Amino acid sequence: MERNNLYPIFLKVKQLNVLIIGGGNVAEEKLTFLLKSSPDACVTMVSPMFRNGTVYLAKKGNVTLINDVYKKDYLQGQHMVVATTDVPEVNVQVYKDCRAEAKLVNVADNPPYCDFYMGGIVTKGNVKVAISTNGKSPTMAKRLRQFFEEVIPENIDDLVKNLNEYRKTIKGDFEEKVEKLNEFTKGIIENKDSEK
């Protein structure tokens, strides 16, 4: 049976440099979702042209726009790269250049040329849920995101903050603290189940 073997992580993209190659619809979509999830992301975009929406987003965030075609030199100092051009040969070259320099790369809509996928994301305060369909169905990831946006309570951030304060007051070793927090939070799930 096939399964999703991806390892999910949450990156502090404010501390990383993200490069997007391309300036069309897909590039704008990737930038939109990146800034929606991480408004403080440090992004550079390289393209001979940019959509008006991209220029607007760049002004709102920490985004540098460079009017040029892709050159390998633009990889210098970058940690993650997203290739979104409409020229497959350029995207594959970006992938090869990134692999040669051990940089994480995503070639949009081309899973064999991806080290990572940009999945569906739900954010409510300090709580963030990431959704992956293993690159098989972005549409399903979108539907799951909508589902989680509805079922995760709006006050979840208040609960997280209160649990953080409670955690600071618990005495004992690590295992005792975990046991107390598990017992304390068990009621959250049980209450939700009893409402059905």
N, C-alpha and C. Protein backbone atom coordinates (compact mmCIF):
# COMPACT_ATOMS: atom_id res chain seq x y z
N MET A 1 0.83 -1.19 0.00
CA MET A 1 0.00 0.00 0.00
C MET A 1 0.88 1.25 0.00
N GLU A 2 0.57 2.18 -0.86
CA GLU A 2 1.32 3.43 -0.92
C GLU A 2 0.97 4.31 0.27
N ARG A 3 1.96 5.03 0.79
CA ARG A 3 1.72 5.93 1.92
C ARG A 3 2.56 7.18 1.77
N ASN A 4 2.21 8.18 2.54
CA ASN A 4 2.92 9.45 2.52
C ASN A 4 4.12 9.35 3.46
N ASN A 5 5.33 9.37 2.92
CA ASN A 5 6.55 9.27 3.71
C ASN A 5 7.22 10.62 3.93
N LEU A 6 6.53 11.70 3.59
CA LEU A 6 7.11 13.03 3.78
C LEU A 6 7.24 13.35 5.26
N TYR A 7 8.26 14.09 5.61
CA TYR A 7 8.46 14.50 7.01
C TYR A 7 8.04 15.96 7.16
N PRO A 8 6.97 16.23 7.91
CA PRO A 8 6.52 17.62 8.04
C PRO A 8 7.37 18.41 9.01
N ILE A 9 7.72 19.63 8.62
CA ILE A 9 8.44 20.54 9.50
C ILE A 9 7.83 21.93 9.36
N PHE A 10 8.07 22.77 10.36
CA PHE A 10 7.62 24.16 10.30
C PHE A 10 8.86 25.03 10.28
N LEU A 11 9.07 25.70 9.18
CA LEU A 11 10.29 26.49 8.97
C LEU A 11 10.10 27.93 9.42
N LYS A 12 11.13 28.49 10.04
CA LYS A 12 11.15 29.91 10.40
C LYS A 12 11.68 30.67 9.19
N VAL A 13 10.80 30.93 8.21
CA VAL A 13 11.25 31.51 6.96
C VAL A 13 11.69 32.96 7.10
N LYS A 14 11.45 33.56 8.24
CA LYS A 14 12.00 34.90 8.49
C LYS A 14 13.54 34.81 8.57
N GLN A 15 14.03 33.65 9.00
CA GLN A 15 15.47 33.45 9.17
C GLN A 15 16.11 32.76 7.95
N LEU A 16 15.30 32.46 6.94
CA LEU A 16 15.80 31.78 5.75
C LEU A 16 15.57 32.67 4.53
N ASN A 17 16.29 32.41 3.48
CA ASN A 17 16.11 33.15 2.23
C ASN A 17 15.40 32.24 1.23
N VAL A 18 14.26 32.71 0.73
CA VAL A 18 13.46 31.95 -0.21
C VAL A 18 13.53 32.64 -1.57
N LEU A 19 13.82 31.87 -2.59
CA LEU A 19 13.91 32.39 -3.96
C LEU A 19 12.79 31.78 -4.79
N ILE A 20 12.03 32.64 -5.47
CA ILE A 20 11.00 32.18 -6.40
C ILE A 20 11.44 32.62 -7.80
N ILE A 21 11.56 31.63 -8.70
CA ILE A 21 11.93 31.90 -10.08
C ILE A 21 10.63 31.92 -10.89
N GLY A 22 10.31 33.06 -11.46
CA GLY A 22 9.09 33.21 -12.24
C GLY A 22 8.28 34.38 -11.73
N GLY A 23 7.40 34.89 -12.60
CA GLY A 23 6.60 36.05 -12.23
C GLY A 23 5.16 35.96 -12.69
N GLY A 24 4.74 34.78 -13.11
CA GLY A 24 3.38 34.60 -13.61
C GLY A 24 2.39 34.21 -12.53
N ASN A 25 1.28 33.61 -12.95
CA ASN A 25 0.21 33.23 -12.04
C ASN A 25 0.68 32.29 -10.92
N VAL A 26 1.44 31.27 -11.31
CA VAL A 26 1.87 30.27 -10.33
C VAL A 26 2.82 30.90 -9.31
N ALA A 27 3.73 31.74 -9.78
CA ALA A 27 4.65 32.43 -8.86
C ALA A 27 3.87 33.30 -7.88
N GLU A 28 2.88 34.01 -8.39
CA GLU A 28 2.07 34.86 -7.51
C GLU A 28 1.29 34.03 -6.50
N GLU A 29 0.79 32.89 -6.94
CA GLU A 29 0.08 31.99 -6.03
C GLU A 29 1.00 31.49 -4.92
N LYS A 30 2.21 31.07 -5.30
CA LYS A 30 3.17 30.58 -4.30
C LYS A 30 3.53 31.69 -3.32
N LEU A 31 3.76 32.91 -3.83
CA LEU A 31 4.08 34.03 -2.96
C LEU A 31 2.92 34.35 -2.04
N THR A 32 1.70 34.33 -2.56
CA THR A 32 0.51 34.62 -1.77
C THR A 32 0.39 33.67 -0.59
N PHE A 33 0.50 32.37 -0.85
CA PHE A 33 0.36 31.38 0.22
C PHE A 33 1.52 31.46 1.21
N LEU A 34 2.71 31.73 0.71
CA LEU A 34 3.88 31.86 1.59
C LEU A 34 3.69 33.04 2.54
N LEU A 35 3.28 34.18 2.01
CA LEU A 35 3.10 35.37 2.86
C LEU A 35 1.87 35.26 3.76
N LYS A 36 0.86 34.54 3.30
CA LYS A 36 -0.32 34.34 4.14
C LYS A 36 0.06 33.53 5.38
N SER A 37 0.88 32.52 5.19
CA SER A 37 1.31 31.67 6.30
C SER A 37 2.41 32.32 7.12
N SER A 38 3.34 33.01 6.44
CA SER A 38 4.51 33.60 7.09
C SER A 38 4.72 35.02 6.55
N PRO A 39 3.97 36.00 7.07
CA PRO A 39 4.06 37.36 6.55
C PRO A 39 5.46 37.98 6.65
N ASP A 40 6.30 37.44 7.53
CA ASP A 40 7.64 37.98 7.71
C ASP A 40 8.70 37.22 6.90
N ALA A 41 8.27 36.39 5.95
CA ALA A 41 9.20 35.61 5.13
C ALA A 41 10.10 36.54 4.31
N CYS A 42 11.35 36.12 4.16
CA CYS A 42 12.33 36.87 3.36
C CYS A 42 12.40 36.23 1.97
N VAL A 43 11.85 36.93 0.97
CA VAL A 43 11.67 36.34 -0.36
C VAL A 43 12.32 37.21 -1.44
N THR A 44 12.97 36.55 -2.40
CA THR A 44 13.46 37.20 -3.61
C THR A 44 12.77 36.52 -4.79
N MET A 45 12.32 37.31 -5.74
CA MET A 45 11.71 36.76 -6.95
C MET A 45 12.50 37.25 -8.16
N VAL A 46 12.77 36.34 -9.09
CA VAL A 46 13.50 36.67 -10.31
C VAL A 46 12.63 36.31 -11.51
N SER A 47 12.37 37.32 -12.36
CA SER A 47 11.58 37.09 -13.56
C SER A 47 11.73 38.30 -14.48
N PRO A 48 11.60 38.08 -15.79
CA PRO A 48 11.65 39.23 -16.70
C PRO A 48 10.40 40.10 -16.60
N MET A 49 9.31 39.58 -16.00
CA MET A 49 8.09 40.35 -15.81
C MET A 49 7.40 39.90 -14.52
N PHE A 50 6.60 40.80 -13.92
CA PHE A 50 5.83 40.47 -12.72
C PHE A 50 4.40 40.97 -12.90
N ARG A 51 3.46 40.19 -12.43
CA ARG A 51 2.06 40.59 -12.44
C ARG A 51 1.87 41.76 -11.47
N ASN A 52 0.85 42.56 -11.72
CA ASN A 52 0.55 43.69 -10.84
C ASN A 52 0.28 43.22 -9.41
N GLY A 53 -0.40 42.09 -9.28
CA GLY A 53 -0.69 41.55 -7.95
C GLY A 53 0.58 41.17 -7.21
N THR A 54 1.56 40.66 -7.94
CA THR A 54 2.84 40.31 -7.34
C THR A 54 3.57 41.55 -6.84
N VAL A 55 3.56 42.60 -7.64
CA VAL A 55 4.20 43.86 -7.25
C VAL A 55 3.53 44.40 -5.98
N TYR A 56 2.21 44.33 -5.92
CA TYR A 56 1.46 44.79 -4.74
C TYR A 56 1.84 43.97 -3.50
N LEU A 57 1.88 42.64 -3.64
CA LEU A 57 2.26 41.77 -2.51
C LEU A 57 3.68 42.06 -2.05
N ALA A 58 4.58 42.29 -3.00
CA ALA A 58 5.99 42.55 -2.66
C ALA A 58 6.12 43.79 -1.79
N LYS A 59 5.32 44.81 -2.09
CA LYS A 59 5.38 46.05 -1.31
C LYS A 59 4.88 45.85 0.11
N LYS A 60 3.99 44.89 0.30
CA LYS A 60 3.44 44.62 1.64
C LYS A 60 4.37 43.75 2.49
N GLY A 61 5.24 42.99 1.85
CA GLY A 61 6.10 42.05 2.57
C GLY A 61 7.57 42.36 2.37
N ASN A 62 8.40 41.45 2.87
CA ASN A 62 9.85 41.57 2.73
C ASN A 62 10.27 40.83 1.45
N VAL A 63 9.83 41.38 0.31
CA VAL A 63 10.01 40.72 -0.98
C VAL A 63 10.80 41.62 -1.91
N THR A 64 11.86 41.07 -2.48
CA THR A 64 12.68 41.79 -3.46
C THR A 64 12.37 41.24 -4.84
N LEU A 65 12.03 42.13 -5.78
CA LEU A 65 11.76 41.73 -7.16
C LEU A 65 12.95 42.08 -8.03
N ILE A 66 13.44 41.11 -8.80
CA ILE A 66 14.56 41.32 -9.71
C ILE A 66 14.10 41.02 -11.13
N ASN A 67 14.11 42.04 -11.98
CA ASN A 67 13.71 41.86 -13.38
C ASN A 67 14.87 41.28 -14.17
N ASP A 68 14.85 39.96 -14.35
CA ASP A 68 15.92 39.30 -15.08
C ASP A 68 15.48 37.86 -15.36
N VAL A 69 16.19 37.20 -16.24
CA VAL A 69 15.99 35.77 -16.46
C VAL A 69 16.80 35.02 -15.41
N TYR A 70 16.47 33.73 -15.23
CA TYR A 70 17.17 32.92 -14.24
C TYR A 70 18.63 32.75 -14.61
N LYS A 71 19.48 32.95 -13.62
CA LYS A 71 20.91 32.62 -13.72
C LYS A 71 21.28 31.90 -12.43
N LYS A 72 22.18 30.96 -12.54
CA LYS A 72 22.61 30.17 -11.38
C LYS A 72 23.11 31.05 -10.24
N ASP A 73 23.68 32.21 -10.55
CA ASP A 73 24.21 33.12 -9.52
C ASP A 73 23.13 33.54 -8.51
N TYR A 74 21.87 33.54 -8.95
CA TYR A 74 20.79 33.95 -8.04
C TYR A 74 20.57 32.96 -6.90
N LEU A 75 21.13 31.77 -7.00
CA LEU A 75 21.00 30.78 -5.92
C LEU A 75 21.88 31.12 -4.72
N GLN A 76 22.89 31.94 -4.93
CA GLN A 76 23.83 32.26 -3.85
C GLN A 76 23.10 32.87 -2.66
N GLY A 77 23.31 32.28 -1.49
CA GLY A 77 22.71 32.78 -0.26
C GLY A 77 21.28 32.35 -0.03
N GLN A 78 20.70 31.58 -0.96
CA GLN A 78 19.32 31.13 -0.81
C GLN A 78 19.28 29.77 -0.12
N HIS A 79 18.21 29.55 0.64
CA HIS A 79 18.03 28.28 1.35
C HIS A 79 17.00 27.38 0.66
N MET A 80 15.94 28.01 0.16
CA MET A 80 14.86 27.29 -0.51
C MET A 80 14.56 27.98 -1.83
N VAL A 81 14.24 27.18 -2.85
CA VAL A 81 13.98 27.73 -4.16
C VAL A 81 12.70 27.10 -4.71
N VAL A 82 11.86 27.96 -5.32
CA VAL A 82 10.64 27.50 -5.97
C VAL A 82 10.71 27.95 -7.43
N ALA A 83 10.66 27.00 -8.35
CA ALA A 83 10.71 27.30 -9.79
C ALA A 83 9.30 27.23 -10.35
N THR A 84 8.85 28.34 -10.99
CA THR A 84 7.47 28.40 -11.47
C THR A 84 7.37 28.88 -12.91
N THR A 85 8.46 28.85 -13.67
CA THR A 85 8.40 29.41 -15.02
C THR A 85 7.56 28.51 -15.92
N ASP A 86 7.17 29.05 -17.07
CA ASP A 86 6.41 28.25 -18.03
C ASP A 86 7.33 27.61 -19.07
N VAL A 87 8.63 27.59 -18.75
CA VAL A 87 9.62 26.94 -19.63
C VAL A 87 10.19 25.73 -18.88
N PRO A 88 9.71 24.52 -19.22
CA PRO A 88 10.14 23.32 -18.49
C PRO A 88 11.66 23.16 -18.39
N GLU A 89 12.39 23.52 -19.43
CA GLU A 89 13.84 23.37 -19.42
C GLU A 89 14.49 24.25 -18.35
N VAL A 90 13.95 25.44 -18.17
CA VAL A 90 14.47 26.35 -17.14
C VAL A 90 14.20 25.76 -15.76
N ASN A 91 12.99 25.26 -15.55
CA ASN A 91 12.64 24.67 -14.26
C ASN A 91 13.53 23.48 -13.92
N VAL A 92 13.79 22.63 -14.90
CA VAL A 92 14.65 21.47 -14.68
C VAL A 92 16.08 21.93 -14.39
N GLN A 93 16.54 22.98 -15.06
CA GLN A 93 17.88 23.50 -14.80
C GLN A 93 17.98 24.05 -13.38
N VAL A 94 16.93 24.76 -12.94
CA VAL A 94 16.89 25.26 -11.56
C VAL A 94 17.01 24.08 -10.60
N TYR A 95 16.26 23.01 -10.86
CA TYR A 95 16.31 21.82 -10.02
C TYR A 95 17.73 21.25 -9.97
N LYS A 96 18.35 21.08 -11.12
CA LYS A 96 19.70 20.50 -11.17
C LYS A 96 20.71 21.40 -10.44
N ASP A 97 20.59 22.71 -10.65
CA ASP A 97 21.51 23.65 -9.98
C ASP A 97 21.33 23.59 -8.47
N CYS A 98 20.10 23.50 -8.02
CA CYS A 98 19.83 23.42 -6.57
C CYS A 98 20.36 22.12 -5.98
N ARG A 99 20.16 21.02 -6.67
CA ARG A 99 20.66 19.73 -6.17
C ARG A 99 22.18 19.76 -6.07
N ALA A 100 22.85 20.39 -7.04
CA ALA A 100 24.31 20.47 -7.03
C ALA A 100 24.82 21.30 -5.85
N GLU A 101 24.00 22.22 -5.37
CA GLU A 101 24.40 23.09 -4.25
C GLU A 101 23.69 22.74 -2.95
N ALA A 102 23.01 21.59 -2.91
CA ALA A 102 22.32 21.10 -1.71
C ALA A 102 21.31 22.12 -1.17
N LYS A 103 20.54 22.72 -2.09
CA LYS A 103 19.47 23.64 -1.70
C LYS A 103 18.13 22.96 -1.91
N LEU A 104 17.20 23.20 -1.01
CA LEU A 104 15.86 22.64 -1.15
C LEU A 104 15.17 23.31 -2.33
N VAL A 105 14.51 22.50 -3.16
CA VAL A 105 13.88 23.04 -4.36
C VAL A 105 12.50 22.42 -4.58
N ASN A 106 11.61 23.25 -5.10
CA ASN A 106 10.27 22.82 -5.50
C ASN A 106 10.04 23.33 -6.91
N VAL A 107 9.82 22.43 -7.85
CA VAL A 107 9.44 22.82 -9.20
C VAL A 107 7.93 22.65 -9.26
N ALA A 108 7.22 23.76 -9.38
CA ALA A 108 5.76 23.77 -9.28
C ALA A 108 5.13 22.77 -10.25
N ASP A 109 4.19 22.00 -9.72
CA ASP A 109 3.42 21.03 -10.50
C ASP A 109 4.28 19.98 -11.19
N ASN A 110 5.41 19.64 -10.57
CA ASN A 110 6.29 18.63 -11.14
C ASN A 110 6.93 17.83 -10.00
N PRO A 111 6.16 16.94 -9.34
CA PRO A 111 6.63 16.23 -8.15
C PRO A 111 8.00 15.56 -8.24
N PRO A 112 8.40 14.96 -9.39
CA PRO A 112 9.74 14.35 -9.41
C PRO A 112 10.87 15.35 -9.18
N TYR A 113 10.59 16.64 -9.40
CA TYR A 113 11.59 17.68 -9.23
C TYR A 113 11.33 18.53 -7.98
N CYS A 114 10.84 17.87 -6.95
CA CYS A 114 10.54 18.58 -5.70
C CYS A 114 11.19 17.89 -4.50
N ASP A 115 11.87 18.69 -3.68
CA ASP A 115 12.35 18.21 -2.39
C ASP A 115 11.29 18.42 -1.32
N PHE A 116 10.36 19.32 -1.59
CA PHE A 116 9.29 19.63 -0.64
C PHE A 116 8.07 20.10 -1.43
N TYR A 117 6.91 19.98 -0.78
CA TYR A 117 5.67 20.49 -1.35
C TYR A 117 5.15 21.61 -0.45
N MET A 118 4.44 22.53 -1.05
CA MET A 118 3.82 23.61 -0.29
C MET A 118 2.35 23.21 -0.13
N GLY A 119 2.03 22.57 1.00
CA GLY A 119 0.71 22.00 1.22
C GLY A 119 -0.31 22.99 1.71
N GLY A 120 -1.49 22.48 2.00
CA GLY A 120 -2.56 23.29 2.57
C GLY A 120 -2.23 23.63 4.01
N ILE A 121 -2.59 24.84 4.43
CA ILE A 121 -2.25 25.29 5.78
C ILE A 121 -3.44 25.96 6.43
N VAL A 122 -3.68 25.62 7.69
CA VAL A 122 -4.71 26.27 8.50
C VAL A 122 -4.00 26.93 9.67
N THR A 123 -4.24 28.22 9.87
CA THR A 123 -3.62 28.96 10.97
C THR A 123 -4.69 29.63 11.81
N LYS A 124 -4.65 29.38 13.11
CA LYS A 124 -5.52 30.07 14.06
C LYS A 124 -4.65 30.46 15.25
N GLY A 125 -4.12 31.68 15.21
CA GLY A 125 -3.23 32.15 16.27
C GLY A 125 -1.94 31.36 16.27
N ASN A 126 -1.64 30.72 17.41
CA ASN A 126 -0.43 29.92 17.55
C ASN A 126 -0.57 28.50 17.00
N VAL A 127 -1.76 28.13 16.61
CA VAL A 127 -2.01 26.78 16.11
C VAL A 127 -1.95 26.79 14.59
N LYS A 128 -1.15 25.88 14.05
CA LYS A 128 -1.02 25.76 12.60
C LYS A 128 -1.07 24.29 12.25
N VAL A 129 -1.91 23.96 11.27
CA VAL A 129 -2.03 22.58 10.79
C VAL A 129 -1.64 22.58 9.32
N ALA A 130 -0.70 21.71 8.96
CA ALA A 130 -0.27 21.58 7.57
C ALA A 130 -0.82 20.28 6.99
N ILE A 131 -1.22 20.33 5.73
CA ILE A 131 -1.88 19.19 5.09
C ILE A 131 -1.10 18.81 3.83
N SER A 132 -0.82 17.55 3.68
CA SER A 132 -0.13 17.06 2.50
C SER A 132 -0.89 15.88 1.90
N THR A 133 -0.99 15.87 0.58
CA THR A 133 -1.53 14.72 -0.13
C THR A 133 -0.41 14.03 -0.92
N ASN A 134 0.83 14.24 -0.47
CA ASN A 134 1.99 13.62 -1.10
C ASN A 134 2.15 14.09 -2.55
N GLY A 135 1.71 15.32 -2.83
CA GLY A 135 1.81 15.87 -4.17
C GLY A 135 0.80 15.30 -5.15
N LYS A 136 -0.13 14.48 -4.66
CA LYS A 136 -1.08 13.80 -5.56
C LYS A 136 -2.29 14.66 -5.89
N SER A 137 -2.78 15.47 -4.92
CA SER A 137 -4.01 16.21 -5.18
C SER A 137 -4.07 17.51 -4.39
N PRO A 138 -3.58 18.60 -4.97
CA PRO A 138 -3.71 19.91 -4.32
C PRO A 138 -5.17 20.28 -4.03
N THR A 139 -6.08 19.81 -4.88
CA THR A 139 -7.51 20.10 -4.66
C THR A 139 -7.99 19.45 -3.36
N MET A 140 -7.58 18.22 -3.10
CA MET A 140 -7.97 17.56 -1.85
C MET A 140 -7.35 18.28 -0.65
N ALA A 141 -6.11 18.73 -0.78
CA ALA A 141 -5.47 19.48 0.30
C ALA A 141 -6.27 20.74 0.60
N LYS A 142 -6.76 21.39 -0.46
CA LYS A 142 -7.58 22.60 -0.30
C LYS A 142 -8.88 22.26 0.45
N ARG A 143 -9.53 21.17 0.08
CA ARG A 143 -10.79 20.78 0.73
C ARG A 143 -10.55 20.42 2.20
N LEU A 144 -9.46 19.72 2.47
CA LEU A 144 -9.13 19.38 3.86
C LEU A 144 -8.83 20.64 4.67
N ARG A 145 -8.15 21.60 4.05
CA ARG A 145 -7.88 22.88 4.73
C ARG A 145 -9.19 23.55 5.10
N GLN A 146 -10.15 23.58 4.17
CA GLN A 146 -11.45 24.19 4.47
C GLN A 146 -12.15 23.45 5.60
N PHE A 147 -12.05 22.13 5.60
CA PHE A 147 -12.67 21.33 6.67
C PHE A 147 -12.07 21.68 8.03
N PHE A 148 -10.72 21.71 8.12
CA PHE A 148 -10.07 22.00 9.39
C PHE A 148 -10.32 23.44 9.85
N GLU A 149 -10.44 24.36 8.90
CA GLU A 149 -10.76 25.74 9.27
C GLU A 149 -12.11 25.82 9.98
N GLU A 150 -13.03 24.94 9.56
CA GLU A 150 -14.36 24.92 10.17
C GLU A 150 -14.39 24.20 11.51
N VAL A 151 -13.67 23.08 11.64
CA VAL A 151 -13.79 22.27 12.85
C VAL A 151 -12.87 22.72 13.99
N ILE A 152 -11.79 23.38 13.69
CA ILE A 152 -10.92 23.87 14.77
C ILE A 152 -11.57 25.10 15.37
N PRO A 153 -11.85 25.07 16.67
CA PRO A 153 -12.57 26.19 17.29
C PRO A 153 -11.80 27.51 17.21
N GLU A 154 -12.55 28.59 17.09
CA GLU A 154 -11.95 29.92 16.98
C GLU A 154 -11.13 30.27 18.23
N ASN A 155 -11.53 29.72 19.38
CA ASN A 155 -10.83 30.05 20.64
C ASN A 155 -9.66 29.12 20.93
N ILE A 156 -9.22 28.35 19.94
CA ILE A 156 -8.11 27.41 20.15
C ILE A 156 -6.85 28.12 20.62
N ASP A 157 -6.62 29.35 20.13
CA ASP A 157 -5.42 30.08 20.53
C ASP A 157 -5.47 30.42 22.02
N ASP A 158 -6.65 30.78 22.53
CA ASP A 158 -6.80 31.05 23.97
C ASP A 158 -6.47 29.79 24.78
N LEU A 159 -6.94 28.64 24.30
CA LEU A 159 -6.66 27.38 24.99
C LEU A 159 -5.16 27.10 25.03
N VAL A 160 -4.49 27.32 23.90
CA VAL A 160 -3.04 27.08 23.82
C VAL A 160 -2.29 28.00 24.78
N LYS A 161 -2.67 29.27 24.80
CA LYS A 161 -2.00 30.22 25.70
C LYS A 161 -2.23 29.85 27.16
N ASN A 162 -3.45 29.45 27.50
CA ASN A 162 -3.75 29.04 28.88
C ASN A 162 -2.97 27.78 29.26
N LEU A 163 -2.87 26.83 28.33
CA LEU A 163 -2.10 25.62 28.61
C LEU A 163 -0.62 25.94 28.81
N ASN A 164 -0.11 26.89 28.07
CA ASN A 164 1.27 27.29 28.22
C ASN A 164 1.50 27.88 29.63
N GLU A 165 0.57 28.70 30.09
CA GLU A 165 0.68 29.27 31.44
C GLU A 165 0.57 28.17 32.50
N TYR A 166 -0.36 27.24 32.30
CA TYR A 166 -0.53 26.13 33.24
C TYR A 166 0.73 25.26 33.28
N ARG A 167 1.30 25.01 32.11
CA ARG A 167 2.51 24.18 32.02
C ARG A 167 3.64 24.75 32.86
N LYS A 168 3.74 26.07 32.91
CA LYS A 168 4.79 26.73 33.68
C LYS A 168 4.63 26.51 35.18
N THR A 169 3.42 26.19 35.64
CA THR A 169 3.16 26.04 37.07
C THR A 169 3.32 24.59 37.54
N ILE A 170 3.40 23.63 36.62
CA ILE A 170 3.47 22.22 36.99
C ILE A 170 4.84 21.88 37.56
N LYS A 171 4.83 21.18 38.67
CA LYS A 171 6.07 20.72 39.30
C LYS A 171 6.35 19.28 38.90
N GLY A 172 7.58 18.87 39.03
CA GLY A 172 7.95 17.48 38.75
C GLY A 172 8.87 17.38 37.56
N ASP A 173 9.25 16.12 37.25
CA ASP A 173 10.14 15.91 36.11
C ASP A 173 9.33 15.93 34.81
N PHE A 174 10.03 15.76 33.70
CA PHE A 174 9.41 15.87 32.39
C PHE A 174 8.23 14.91 32.24
N GLU A 175 8.41 13.65 32.63
CA GLU A 175 7.35 12.65 32.48
C GLU A 175 6.12 13.01 33.31
N GLU A 176 6.34 13.52 34.52
CA GLU A 176 5.20 13.92 35.36
C GLU A 176 4.45 15.09 34.73
N LYS A 177 5.18 16.04 34.18
CA LYS A 177 4.54 17.19 33.52
C LYS A 177 3.72 16.75 32.32
N VAL A 178 4.29 15.86 31.51
CA VAL A 178 3.58 15.36 30.33
C VAL A 178 2.31 14.63 30.76
N GLU A 179 2.41 13.81 31.80
CA GLU A 179 1.25 13.06 32.29
C GLU A 179 0.15 14.01 32.76
N LYS A 180 0.52 15.05 33.50
CA LYS A 180 -0.47 16.02 33.99
C LYS A 180 -1.11 16.79 32.83
N LEU A 181 -0.32 17.19 31.85
CA LEU A 181 -0.87 17.90 30.70
C LEU A 181 -1.77 16.99 29.87
N ASN A 182 -1.38 15.73 29.71
CA ASN A 182 -2.23 14.78 28.98
C ASN A 182 -3.57 14.60 29.67
N GLU A 183 -3.53 14.48 30.98
CA GLU A 183 -4.77 14.31 31.75
C GLU A 183 -5.63 15.57 31.64
N PHE A 184 -5.00 16.72 31.76
CA PHE A 184 -5.71 18.00 31.73
C PHE A 184 -6.37 18.24 30.36
N THR A 185 -5.68 17.87 29.28
CA THR A 185 -6.20 18.15 27.93
C THR A 185 -7.09 17.05 27.38
N LYS A 186 -7.13 15.90 28.04
CA LYS A 186 -7.97 14.80 27.57
C LYS A 186 -9.43 15.23 27.46
N GLY A 187 -9.86 16.09 28.35
CA GLY A 187 -11.24 16.54 28.35
C GLY A 187 -11.62 17.33 27.11
N ILE A 188 -10.67 17.97 26.47
CA ILE A 188 -10.97 18.74 25.27
C ILE A 188 -11.52 17.83 24.18
N ILE A 189 -10.88 16.70 23.97
CA ILE A 189 -11.32 15.75 22.95
C ILE A 189 -12.61 15.06 23.39
N GLU A 190 -12.68 14.67 24.66
CA GLU A 190 -13.88 13.99 25.16
C GLU A 190 -15.10 14.89 25.04
N ASN A 191 -14.97 16.16 25.35
CA ASN A 191 -16.09 17.08 25.23
C ASN A 191 -16.56 17.21 23.80
N LYS A 192 -15.63 17.24 22.87
CA LYS A 192 -15.96 17.34 21.45
C LYS A 192 -16.71 16.09 21.00
N ASP A 193 -16.24 14.90 21.46
CA ASP A 193 -16.90 13.65 21.10
C ASP A 193 -18.32 13.57 21.65
N SER A 194 -18.54 14.09 22.88
CA SER A 194 -19.84 13.99 23.51
C SER A 194 -20.87 14.91 22.86
N GLU A 195 -20.40 15.91 22.07
CA GLU A 195 -21.32 16.83 21.41
C GLU A 195 -21.97 16.18 20.18
N LYS A 196 -21.39 15.09 19.70
CA LYS A 196 -21.92 14.45 18.47
C LYS A 196 -23.22 13.73 18.73
